[in-house]
Amino acid sequence: MLDFKQKYYCLKKENKKIKKNFYKVINYIKFIKKKKNKFKEISLNKIITKFIPLLDNVKNLNVFTNKKSISYTLYFLKYIIKINKIKIIKPKKNDDFNPHIHQVIISIDKKKNKIIKVLKKGYILDNIVLRPALVCTS
């Protein structure tokens, strides 16, 4: 009988160790997944941030030349913006200035803080401003 109790307590102890190690492994897997997602997010932010000036240049080029190849390139670049769920900051005239998503280039009257003109659109990815919208305020 004594031998049976010893084996029981020994198995119970081992079971606790196995459970503890199991939960450690589960937590480690969660940690690795978070790190992986954060790494993807940072990498995508860096790539898109370098990609935005290219998009601006192709848009400007498309305005001055109406070649189909440039239109297709612009369409493809806009598609990349869409599939990566990048939000475009498009402030309108008379919108309130928001320093978190807008950057003032020219300010006529510092008291009103209303947007009078948008110079360049801004871009947001996962609540991180990749580029603020460039605006003129009154």
Protein backbone atom coordinates (compact mmCIF):
# COMPACT_ATOMS: atom_id res chain seq x y z
CA MET A 1 0.00 0.00 0.00
CA LEU A 2 2.83 2.37 0.82
CA ASP A 3 4.45 1.72 -2.52
CA PHE A 4 1.21 2.58 -4.31
CA LYS A 5 0.90 5.94 -2.47
CA GLN A 6 4.49 6.82 -3.26
CA LYS A 7 3.95 6.11 -6.95
CA TYR A 8 0.72 8.11 -6.91
CA TYR A 9 2.39 11.19 -5.36
CA CYS A 10 5.39 10.82 -7.62
CA LEU A 11 3.12 10.72 -10.71
CA LYS A 12 1.13 13.65 -9.40
CA LYS A 13 4.33 15.65 -8.99
CA GLU A 14 5.47 14.74 -12.51
CA ASN A 15 2.06 15.74 -13.86
CA LYS A 16 2.43 19.20 -12.29
CA LYS A 17 5.88 19.58 -13.87
CA ILE A 18 4.56 18.54 -17.27
CA LYS A 19 1.64 21.00 -17.02
CA LYS A 20 4.00 23.78 -15.96
CA ASN A 21 6.32 23.08 -18.88
CA PHE A 22 3.37 22.81 -21.25
CA TYR A 23 2.16 26.28 -20.25
CA LYS A 24 5.69 27.63 -20.64
CA VAL A 25 5.78 26.28 -24.19
CA ILE A 26 2.34 27.76 -24.97
CA ASN A 27 3.42 31.16 -23.62
CA TYR A 28 6.64 31.01 -25.59
CA ILE A 29 4.70 30.26 -28.79
CA LYS A 30 2.46 33.28 -28.11
CA PHE A 31 5.54 35.43 -27.49
CA ILE A 32 7.14 34.31 -30.76
CA LYS A 33 3.93 35.01 -32.70
CA LYS A 34 3.77 38.54 -31.25
CA LYS A 35 7.42 39.16 -32.14
CA LYS A 36 6.87 37.82 -35.65
CA ASN A 37 3.84 40.08 -36.19
CA LYS A 38 5.70 43.10 -34.80
CA PHE A 39 8.66 42.37 -37.08
CA LYS A 40 6.34 42.11 -40.11
CA GLU A 41 4.66 45.37 -39.14
CA ILE A 42 7.96 47.23 -38.74
CA SER A 43 9.32 45.81 -42.00
CA LEU A 44 6.17 46.74 -43.89
CA ASN A 45 6.25 50.25 -42.41
CA LYS A 46 9.84 50.74 -43.58
CA ILE A 47 9.10 49.47 -47.08
CA ILE A 48 5.90 51.50 -47.49
CA THR A 49 7.58 54.65 -46.13
CA LYS A 50 10.20 54.36 -48.87
CA PHE A 51 7.50 53.48 -51.41
CA ILE A 52 5.36 56.61 -50.85
CA PRO A 53 7.71 59.07 -52.68
CA LEU A 54 7.67 56.72 -55.67
CA LEU A 55 3.88 56.82 -55.69
CA ASP A 56 3.96 60.65 -55.57
CA ASN A 57 6.42 60.81 -58.46
CA VAL A 58 4.39 58.43 -60.63
CA LYS A 59 1.24 60.48 -59.90
CA ASN A 60 3.03 63.66 -60.95
CA LEU A 61 4.40 61.97 -64.05
CA ASN A 62 0.92 60.72 -64.93
CA VAL A 63 -0.41 64.30 -64.80
CA PHE A 64 2.17 65.54 -67.30
CA THR A 65 2.17 62.54 -69.65
CA ASN A 66 -0.84 60.46 -70.49
CA LYS A 67 0.99 57.27 -71.37
CA LYS A 68 -0.75 53.98 -70.66
CA SER A 69 2.34 52.42 -69.10
CA ILE A 70 2.43 55.15 -66.45
CA SER A 71 -1.30 54.78 -65.83
CA TYR A 72 -0.86 51.02 -65.33
CA THR A 73 2.07 51.61 -62.98
CA LEU A 74 0.00 54.09 -60.98
CA TYR A 75 -2.90 51.62 -60.86
CA PHE A 76 -0.56 48.89 -59.60
CA LEU A 77 0.93 51.17 -56.92
CA LYS A 78 -2.56 52.12 -55.72
CA TYR A 79 -3.44 48.42 -55.63
CA ILE A 80 -0.43 47.79 -53.36
CA ILE A 81 -1.70 50.54 -51.04
CA LYS A 82 -5.14 48.90 -50.98
CA ILE A 83 -4.07 45.29 -50.33
CA ASN A 84 -1.79 46.36 -47.48
CA LYS A 85 -4.72 48.17 -45.82
CA ILE A 86 -3.00 51.52 -45.87
CA LYS A 87 -5.41 54.35 -45.14
CA ILE A 88 -5.05 57.59 -47.05
CA ILE A 89 -5.32 60.83 -45.09
CA LYS A 90 -7.39 63.14 -47.32
CA PRO A 91 -8.21 66.30 -45.42
CA LYS A 92 -10.71 68.66 -47.00
CA LYS A 93 -10.83 72.42 -47.12
CA ASN A 94 -12.03 73.92 -43.79
CA ASP A 95 -11.33 70.71 -41.83
CA ASP A 96 -9.79 71.25 -38.40
CA PHE A 97 -6.02 70.86 -38.23
CA ASN A 98 -4.94 67.69 -36.39
CA PRO A 99 -1.23 67.69 -35.48
CA HIS A 100 -1.21 63.88 -35.26
CA ILE A 101 -2.07 63.36 -38.92
CA HIS A 102 -1.34 66.74 -40.55
CA GLN A 103 1.85 68.73 -41.01
CA VAL A 104 1.64 72.48 -41.62
CA ILE A 105 3.76 73.76 -44.47
CA ILE A 106 2.30 77.28 -44.61
CA SER A 107 0.29 78.93 -41.84
CA ILE A 108 -1.43 82.27 -42.43
CA ASP A 109 -3.22 82.71 -39.08
CA LYS A 110 -2.09 80.60 -36.12
CA LYS A 111 -5.34 81.04 -34.16
CA LYS A 112 -7.93 79.47 -36.48
CA ASN A 113 -6.18 76.21 -37.44
CA LYS A 114 -8.43 75.43 -40.39
CA ILE A 115 -7.05 73.69 -43.46
CA ILE A 116 -7.23 75.83 -46.57
CA LYS A 117 -5.23 73.67 -48.98
CA VAL A 118 -3.83 70.12 -49.12
CA LEU A 119 -0.40 69.86 -50.72
CA LYS A 120 0.10 66.09 -50.33
CA LYS A 121 -2.02 63.28 -48.96
CA GLY A 122 -0.87 61.40 -45.90
CA TYR A 123 -0.79 57.67 -45.19
CA ILE A 124 -1.57 55.56 -42.10
CA LEU A 125 -0.83 51.88 -41.50
CA ASP A 126 -2.12 50.18 -38.32
CA ASN A 127 -2.60 53.54 -36.55
CA ILE A 128 0.98 54.54 -37.35
CA VAL A 129 1.34 57.66 -39.47
CA LEU A 130 3.70 56.81 -42.31
CA ARG A 131 3.50 60.32 -43.66
CA PRO A 132 1.29 63.14 -42.38
CA ALA A 133 -0.81 65.06 -44.87
CA LEU A 134 1.00 68.25 -45.88
CA VAL A 135 -1.38 71.19 -45.53
CA CYS A 136 -1.71 74.96 -45.50
CA THR A 137 -3.73 76.43 -42.64
CA SER A 138 -5.37 79.73 -41.93
